[in-house]
Amino acid sequence: MTMGEGDPFLRDLEVEVEADIQLDAAGAVPDDDETDWALDPYEAQAETADLNSLRGAIRALEGDDPPYSPAGN
């Protein structure tokens, strides 16, 4: 299975990830049964990092971002 620019799965996934990032940035709490639990700040920070990493991976597969270079070259 090849993925790349124009892949409907990646487009749909990116839309969902972007929506989750927007909800996270707005401080919105998901509407589900788990909202009764206390929010752990560490878990919230980890989820934000995970969402941003997933968005970066999607963009890399789509070819939207240049290849990663740890040296910044």
PDB file of N, CA and C in Angstrom:
ATOM      1  N   MET A   1       0.846  -1.172   0.000  1.00  0.00           N
ATOM      2  CA  MET A   1       0.000   0.000   0.000  1.00  0.00           C
ATOM      3  C   MET A   1       0.889   1.231   0.000  1.00  0.00           C
ATOM      4  N   THR A   2       0.753   2.026  -1.026  1.00  0.00           N
ATOM      5  CA  THR A   2       1.531   3.260  -1.079  1.00  0.00           C
ATOM      6  C   THR A   2       0.669   4.416  -0.639  1.00  0.00           C
ATOM      7  N   MET A   3       1.291   5.286   0.104  1.00  0.00           N
ATOM      8  CA  MET A   3       0.585   6.480   0.561  1.00  0.00           C
ATOM      9  C   MET A   3       1.346   7.679   0.042  1.00  0.00           C
ATOM     10  N   GLY A   4       0.641   8.732  -0.157  1.00  0.00           N
ATOM     11  CA  GLY A   4       1.285   9.951  -0.611  1.00  0.00           C
ATOM     12  C   GLY A   4       0.245  11.007  -0.848  1.00  0.00           C
ATOM     13  N   GLU A   5       0.641  11.974  -1.617  1.00  0.00           N
ATOM     14  CA  GLU A   5      -0.244  13.086  -1.904  1.00  0.00           C
ATOM     15  C   GLU A   5      -1.541  12.581  -2.533  1.00  0.00           C
ATOM     16  N   GLY A   6      -2.656  13.032  -2.017  1.00  0.00           N
ATOM     17  CA  GLY A   6      -3.944  12.652  -2.558  1.00  0.00           C
ATOM     18  C   GLY A   6      -4.526  11.383  -1.973  1.00  0.00           C
ATOM     19  N   ASP A   7      -3.874  10.763  -1.021  1.00  0.00           N
ATOM     20  CA  ASP A   7      -4.388   9.546  -0.396  1.00  0.00           C
ATOM     21  C   ASP A   7      -5.579   9.902   0.482  1.00  0.00           C
ATOM     22  N   PRO A   8      -6.762   9.333   0.205  1.00  0.00           N
ATOM     23  CA  PRO A   8      -7.947   9.694   0.995  1.00  0.00           C
ATOM     24  C   PRO A   8      -7.830   9.313   2.473  1.00  0.00           C
ATOM     25  N   PHE A   9      -7.147   8.219   2.790  1.00  0.00           N
ATOM     26  CA  PHE A   9      -6.975   7.829   4.186  1.00  0.00           C
ATOM     27  C   PHE A   9      -6.174   8.889   4.937  1.00  0.00           C
ATOM     28  N   LEU A  10      -5.071   9.333   4.330  1.00  0.00           N
ATOM     29  CA  LEU A  10      -4.240  10.354   4.973  1.00  0.00           C
ATOM     30  C   LEU A  10      -4.992  11.670   5.117  1.00  0.00           C
ATOM     31  N   ARG A  11      -5.767  12.037   4.091  1.00  0.00           N
ATOM     32  CA  ARG A  11      -6.557  13.277   4.175  1.00  0.00           C
ATOM     33  C   ARG A  11      -7.537  13.202   5.328  1.00  0.00           C
ATOM     34  N   ASP A  12      -8.259  12.098   5.434  1.00  0.00           N
ATOM     35  CA  ASP A  12      -9.238  11.932   6.516  1.00  0.00           C
ATOM     36  C   ASP A  12      -8.558  11.927   7.884  1.00  0.00           C
ATOM     37  N   LEU A  13      -7.427  11.239   7.977  1.00  0.00           N
ATOM     38  CA  LEU A  13      -6.690  11.195   9.233  1.00  0.00           C
ATOM     39  C   LEU A  13      -6.194  12.586   9.617  1.00  0.00           C
ATOM     40  N   GLU A  14      -5.703  13.324   8.647  1.00  0.00           N
ATOM     41  CA  GLU A  14      -5.210  14.675   8.930  1.00  0.00           C
ATOM     42  C   GLU A  14      -6.340  15.588   9.404  1.00  0.00           C
ATOM     43  N   VAL A  15      -7.511  15.452   8.824  1.00  0.00           N
ATOM     44  CA  VAL A  15      -8.662  16.247   9.255  1.00  0.00           C
ATOM     45  C   VAL A  15      -9.001  15.935  10.714  1.00  0.00           C
ATOM     46  N   GLU A  16      -9.002  14.660  11.065  1.00  0.00           N
ATOM     47  CA  GLU A  16      -9.308  14.273  12.450  1.00  0.00           C
ATOM     48  C   GLU A  16      -8.240  14.759  13.417  1.00  0.00           C
ATOM     49  N   VAL A  17      -6.973  14.633  13.039  1.00  0.00           N
ATOM     50  CA  VAL A  17      -5.887  15.077  13.908  1.00  0.00           C
ATOM     51  C   VAL A  17      -5.944  16.591  14.088  1.00  0.00           C
ATOM     52  N   GLU A  18      -6.174  17.324  13.006  1.00  0.00           N
ATOM     53  CA  GLU A  18      -6.280  18.781  13.095  1.00  0.00           C
ATOM     54  C   GLU A  18      -7.440  19.193  14.009  1.00  0.00           C
ATOM     55  N   ALA A  19      -8.558  18.482  13.911  1.00  0.00           N
ATOM     56  CA  ALA A  19      -9.700  18.792  14.779  1.00  0.00           C
ATOM     57  C   ALA A  19      -9.339  18.537  16.240  1.00  0.00           C
ATOM     58  N   ASP A  20      -8.644  17.447  16.508  1.00  0.00           N
ATOM     59  CA  ASP A  20      -8.219  17.155  17.879  1.00  0.00           C
ATOM     60  C   ASP A  20      -7.234  18.205  18.392  1.00  0.00           C
ATOM     61  N   ILE A  21      -6.340  18.665  17.527  1.00  0.00           N
ATOM     62  CA  ILE A  21      -5.388  19.699  17.922  1.00  0.00           C
ATOM     63  C   ILE A  21      -6.125  20.995  18.246  1.00  0.00           C
ATOM     64  N   GLN A  22      -7.121  21.333  17.435  1.00  0.00           N
ATOM     65  CA  GLN A  22      -7.898  22.547  17.694  1.00  0.00           C
ATOM     66  C   GLN A  22      -8.662  22.444  19.008  1.00  0.00           C
ATOM     67  N   LEU A  23      -9.259  21.284  19.278  1.00  0.00           N
ATOM     68  CA  LEU A  23      -9.965  21.087  20.548  1.00  0.00           C
ATOM     69  C   LEU A  23      -8.999  21.178  21.717  1.00  0.00           C
ATOM     70  N   ASP A  24      -7.823  20.609  21.548  1.00  0.00           N
ATOM     71  CA  ASP A  24      -6.812  20.636  22.589  1.00  0.00           C
ATOM     72  C   ASP A  24      -6.369  22.071  22.866  1.00  0.00           C
ATOM     73  N   ALA A  25      -6.153  22.836  21.801  1.00  0.00           N
ATOM     74  CA  ALA A  25      -5.712  24.225  21.953  1.00  0.00           C
ATOM     75  C   ALA A  25      -6.792  25.087  22.605  1.00  0.00           C
ATOM     76  N   ALA A  26      -8.048  24.752  22.339  1.00  0.00           N
ATOM     77  CA  ALA A  26      -9.156  25.516  22.913  1.00  0.00           C
ATOM     78  C   ALA A  26      -9.448  25.101  24.346  1.00  0.00           C
ATOM     79  N   GLY A  27      -8.833  24.019  24.783  1.00  0.00           N
ATOM     80  CA  GLY A  27      -9.072  23.531  26.135  1.00  0.00           C
ATOM     81  C   GLY A  27     -10.403  22.822  26.269  1.00  0.00           C
ATOM     82  N   ALA A  28     -10.963  22.391  25.150  1.00  0.00           N
ATOM     83  CA  ALA A  28     -12.251  21.696  25.168  1.00  0.00           C
ATOM     84  C   ALA A  28     -12.068  20.276  25.685  1.00  0.00           C
ATOM     85  N   VAL A  29     -13.021  19.830  26.453  1.00  0.00           N
ATOM     86  CA  VAL A  29     -13.007  18.476  26.992  1.00  0.00           C
ATOM     87  C   VAL A  29     -13.875  17.602  26.094  1.00  0.00           C
ATOM     88  N   PRO A  30     -13.373  16.425  25.689  1.00  0.00           N
ATOM     89  CA  PRO A  30     -14.186  15.539  24.849  1.00  0.00           C
ATOM     90  C   PRO A  30     -15.483  15.156  25.543  1.00  0.00           C
ATOM     91  N   ASP A  31     -16.510  14.980  24.745  1.00  0.00           N
ATOM     92  CA  ASP A  31     -17.824  14.637  25.274  1.00  0.00           C
ATOM     93  C   ASP A  31     -17.962  13.117  25.340  1.00  0.00           C
ATOM     94  N   ASP A  32     -17.476  12.537  26.448  1.00  0.00           N
ATOM     95  CA  ASP A  32     -17.597  11.093  26.641  1.00  0.00           C
ATOM     96  C   ASP A  32     -17.653  10.787  28.132  1.00  0.00           C
ATOM     97  N   ASP A  33     -17.723   9.524  28.454  1.00  0.00           N
ATOM     98  CA  ASP A  33     -17.879   9.110  29.846  1.00  0.00           C
ATOM     99  C   ASP A  33     -16.643   9.380  30.702  1.00  0.00           C
ATOM    100  N   GLU A  34     -15.501   9.593  30.089  1.00  0.00           N
ATOM    101  CA  GLU A  34     -14.272   9.785  30.840  1.00  0.00           C
ATOM    102  C   GLU A  34     -14.103  11.208  31.360  1.00  0.00           C
ATOM    103  N   THR A  35     -15.064  12.106  31.090  1.00  0.00           N
ATOM    104  CA  THR A  35     -14.916  13.488  31.525  1.00  0.00           C
ATOM    105  C   THR A  35     -15.055  13.636  33.031  1.00  0.00           C
ATOM    106  N   ASP A  36     -15.503  12.609  33.728  1.00  0.00           N
ATOM    107  CA  ASP A  36     -15.600  12.666  35.176  1.00  0.00           C
ATOM    108  C   ASP A  36     -14.234  12.509  35.844  1.00  0.00           C
ATOM    109  N   TRP A  37     -13.250  12.036  35.112  1.00  0.00           N
ATOM    110  CA  TRP A  37     -11.923  11.822  35.668  1.00  0.00           C
ATOM    111  C   TRP A  37     -11.184  13.150  35.762  1.00  0.00           C
ATOM    112  N   ALA A  38     -10.319  13.262  36.735  1.00  0.00           N
ATOM    113  CA  ALA A  38      -9.473  14.446  36.863  1.00  0.00           C
ATOM    114  C   ALA A  38      -8.439  14.439  35.737  1.00  0.00           C
ATOM    115  N   LEU A  39      -8.171  15.595  35.194  1.00  0.00           N
ATOM    116  CA  LEU A  39      -7.217  15.720  34.104  1.00  0.00           C
ATOM    117  C   LEU A  39      -5.799  15.784  34.661  1.00  0.00           C
ATOM    118  N   ASP A  40      -4.966  14.890  34.213  1.00  0.00           N
ATOM    119  CA  ASP A  40      -3.561  14.869  34.607  1.00  0.00           C
ATOM    120  C   ASP A  40      -2.792  15.778  33.642  1.00  0.00           C
ATOM    121  N   PRO A  41      -2.154  16.834  34.135  1.00  0.00           N
ATOM    122  CA  PRO A  41      -1.436  17.756  33.250  1.00  0.00           C
ATOM    123  C   PRO A  41      -0.356  17.073  32.413  1.00  0.00           C
ATOM    124  N   TYR A  42       0.312  16.067  32.990  1.00  0.00           N
ATOM    125  CA  TYR A  42       1.331  15.348  32.237  1.00  0.00           C
ATOM    126  C   TYR A  42       0.707  14.617  31.044  1.00  0.00           C
ATOM    127  N   GLU A  43      -0.430  13.971  31.270  1.00  0.00           N
ATOM    128  CA  GLU A  43      -1.098  13.256  30.173  1.00  0.00           C
ATOM    129  C   GLU A  43      -1.569  14.225  29.096  1.00  0.00           C
ATOM    130  N   ALA A  44      -2.059  15.390  29.505  1.00  0.00           N
ATOM    131  CA  ALA A  44      -2.504  16.387  28.533  1.00  0.00           C
ATOM    132  C   ALA A  44      -1.329  16.860  27.685  1.00  0.00           C
ATOM    133  N   GLN A  45      -0.178  17.087  28.312  1.00  0.00           N
ATOM    134  CA  GLN A  45       1.009  17.515  27.590  1.00  0.00           C
ATOM    135  C   GLN A  45       1.489  16.409  26.646  1.00  0.00           C
ATOM    136  N   ALA A  46       1.458  15.185  27.111  1.00  0.00           N
ATOM    137  CA  ALA A  46       1.880  14.060  26.275  1.00  0.00           C
ATOM    138  C   ALA A  46       0.950  13.885  25.081  1.00  0.00           C
ATOM    139  N   GLU A  47      -0.348  14.059  25.288  1.00  0.00           N
ATOM    140  CA  GLU A  47      -1.302  13.936  24.188  1.00  0.00           C
ATOM    141  C   GLU A  47      -1.073  15.026  23.148  1.00  0.00           C
ATOM    142  N   THR A  48      -0.792  16.234  23.604  1.00  0.00           N
ATOM    143  CA  THR A  48      -0.506  17.328  22.680  1.00  0.00           C
ATOM    144  C   THR A  48       0.726  17.001  21.841  1.00  0.00           C
ATOM    145  N   ALA A  49       1.765  16.499  22.477  1.00  0.00           N
ATOM    146  CA  ALA A  49       2.978  16.122  21.750  1.00  0.00           C
ATOM    147  C   ALA A  49       2.692  14.996  20.764  1.00  0.00           C
ATOM    148  N   ASP A  50       1.891  14.020  21.169  1.00  0.00           N
ATOM    149  CA  ASP A  50       1.542  12.902  20.284  1.00  0.00           C
ATOM    150  C   ASP A  50       0.777  13.391  19.053  1.00  0.00           C
ATOM    151  N   LEU A  51      -0.181  14.289  19.272  1.00  0.00           N
ATOM    152  CA  LEU A  51      -0.962  14.816  18.144  1.00  0.00           C
ATOM    153  C   LEU A  51      -0.070  15.579  17.172  1.00  0.00           C
ATOM    154  N   ASN A  52       0.843  16.383  17.694  1.00  0.00           N
ATOM    155  CA  ASN A  52       1.736  17.134  16.822  1.00  0.00           C
ATOM    156  C   ASN A  52       2.689  16.215  16.078  1.00  0.00           C
ATOM    157  N   SER A  53       3.149  15.156  16.720  1.00  0.00           N
ATOM    158  CA  SER A  53       4.007  14.177  16.049  1.00  0.00           C
ATOM    159  C   SER A  53       3.247  13.454  14.941  1.00  0.00           C
ATOM    160  N   LEU A  54       2.005  13.095  15.231  1.00  0.00           N
ATOM    161  CA  LEU A  54       1.185  12.416  14.230  1.00  0.00           C
ATOM    162  C   LEU A  54       0.940  13.328  13.032  1.00  0.00           C
ATOM    163  N   ARG A  55       0.664  14.615  13.302  1.00  0.00           N
ATOM    164  CA  ARG A  55       0.463  15.561  12.203  1.00  0.00           C
ATOM    165  C   ARG A  55       1.734  15.653  11.356  1.00  0.00           C
ATOM    166  N   GLY A  56       2.902  15.695  11.997  1.00  0.00           N
ATOM    167  CA  GLY A  56       4.159  15.758  11.258  1.00  0.00           C
ATOM    168  C   GLY A  56       4.392  14.521  10.409  1.00  0.00           C
ATOM    169  N   ALA A  57       4.031  13.361  10.950  1.00  0.00           N
ATOM    170  CA  ALA A  57       4.186  12.114  10.200  1.00  0.00           C
ATOM    171  C   ALA A  57       3.264  12.084   8.982  1.00  0.00           C
ATOM    172  N   ILE A  58       2.050  12.556   9.159  1.00  0.00           N
ATOM    173  CA  ILE A  58       1.100  12.592   8.037  1.00  0.00           C
ATOM    174  C   ILE A  58       1.627  13.508   6.944  1.00  0.00           C
ATOM    175  N   ARG A  59       2.106  14.668   7.348  1.00  0.00           N
ATOM    176  CA  ARG A  59       2.622  15.620   6.353  1.00  0.00           C
ATOM    177  C   ARG A  59       3.859  15.068   5.646  1.00  0.00           C
ATOM    178  N   ALA A  60       4.689  14.336   6.375  1.00  0.00           N
ATOM    179  CA  ALA A  60       5.869  13.734   5.748  1.00  0.00           C
ATOM    180  C   ALA A  60       5.452  12.689   4.720  1.00  0.00           C
ATOM    181  N   LEU A  61       4.435  11.878   5.046  1.00  0.00           N
ATOM    182  CA  LEU A  61       3.952  10.875   4.100  1.00  0.00           C
ATOM    183  C   LEU A  61       3.306  11.519   2.880  1.00  0.00           C
ATOM    184  N   GLU A  62       2.656  12.648   3.094  1.00  0.00           N
ATOM    185  CA  GLU A  62       2.019  13.345   1.985  1.00  0.00           C
ATOM    186  C   GLU A  62       3.028  14.106   1.134  1.00  0.00           C
ATOM    187  N   GLY A  63       4.215  14.298   1.684  1.00  0.00           N
ATOM    188  CA  GLY A  63       5.230  15.025   0.940  1.00  0.00           C
ATOM    189  C   GLY A  63       5.121  16.524   1.106  1.00  0.00           C
ATOM    190  N   ASP A  64       4.362  17.005   2.113  1.00  0.00           N
ATOM    191  CA  ASP A  64       4.184  18.439   2.318  1.00  0.00           C
ATOM    192  C   ASP A  64       5.382  19.086   2.984  1.00  0.00           C
ATOM    193  N   ASP A  65       6.119  18.353   3.780  1.00  0.00           N
ATOM    194  CA  ASP A  65       7.253  18.907   4.505  1.00  0.00           C
ATOM    195  C   ASP A  65       8.546  18.336   3.935  1.00  0.00           C
ATOM    196  N   PRO A  66       9.618  19.133   3.998  1.00  0.00           N
ATOM    197  CA  PRO A  66      10.908  18.588   3.565  1.00  0.00           C
ATOM    198  C   PRO A  66      11.366  17.512   4.522  1.00  0.00           C
ATOM    199  N   PRO A  67      12.265  16.634   4.083  1.00  0.00           N
ATOM    200  CA  PRO A  67      12.758  15.576   4.978  1.00  0.00           C
ATOM    201  C   PRO A  67      13.379  16.178   6.233  1.00  0.00           C
ATOM    202  N   TYR A  68      13.247  15.489   7.340  1.00  0.00           N
ATOM    203  CA  TYR A  68      13.774  15.949   8.615  1.00  0.00           C
ATOM    204  C   TYR A  68      15.277  15.847   8.629  1.00  0.00           C
ATOM    205  N   SER A  69      15.905  16.895   9.102  1.00  0.00           N
ATOM    206  CA  SER A  69      17.357  16.880   9.264  1.00  0.00           C
ATOM    207  C   SER A  69      17.677  17.340  10.669  1.00  0.00           C
ATOM    208  N   PRO A  70      18.237  16.459  11.510  1.00  0.00           N
ATOM    209  CA  PRO A  70      18.515  16.855  12.874  1.00  0.00           C
ATOM    210  C   PRO A  70      19.510  18.001  12.968  1.00  0.00           C
ATOM    211  N   ALA A  71      20.356  18.154  11.974  1.00  0.00           N
ATOM    212  CA  ALA A  71      21.338  19.235  11.968  1.00  0.00           C
ATOM    213  C   ALA A  71      20.743  20.528  11.443  1.00  0.00           C
ATOM    214  N   GLY A  72      19.504  20.475  10.970  1.00  0.00           N
ATOM    215  CA  GLY A  72      18.851  21.672  10.449  1.00  0.00           C
ATOM    216  C   GLY A  72      19.319  22.056   9.056  1.00  0.00           C
ATOM    217  N   ASN A  73      19.943  21.140   8.346  1.00  0.00           N
ATOM    218  CA  ASN A  73      20.445  21.429   6.994  1.00  0.00           C
ATOM    219  C   ASN A  73      19.372  21.252   5.969  1.00  0.00           C
TER     220      ASN A  73
END
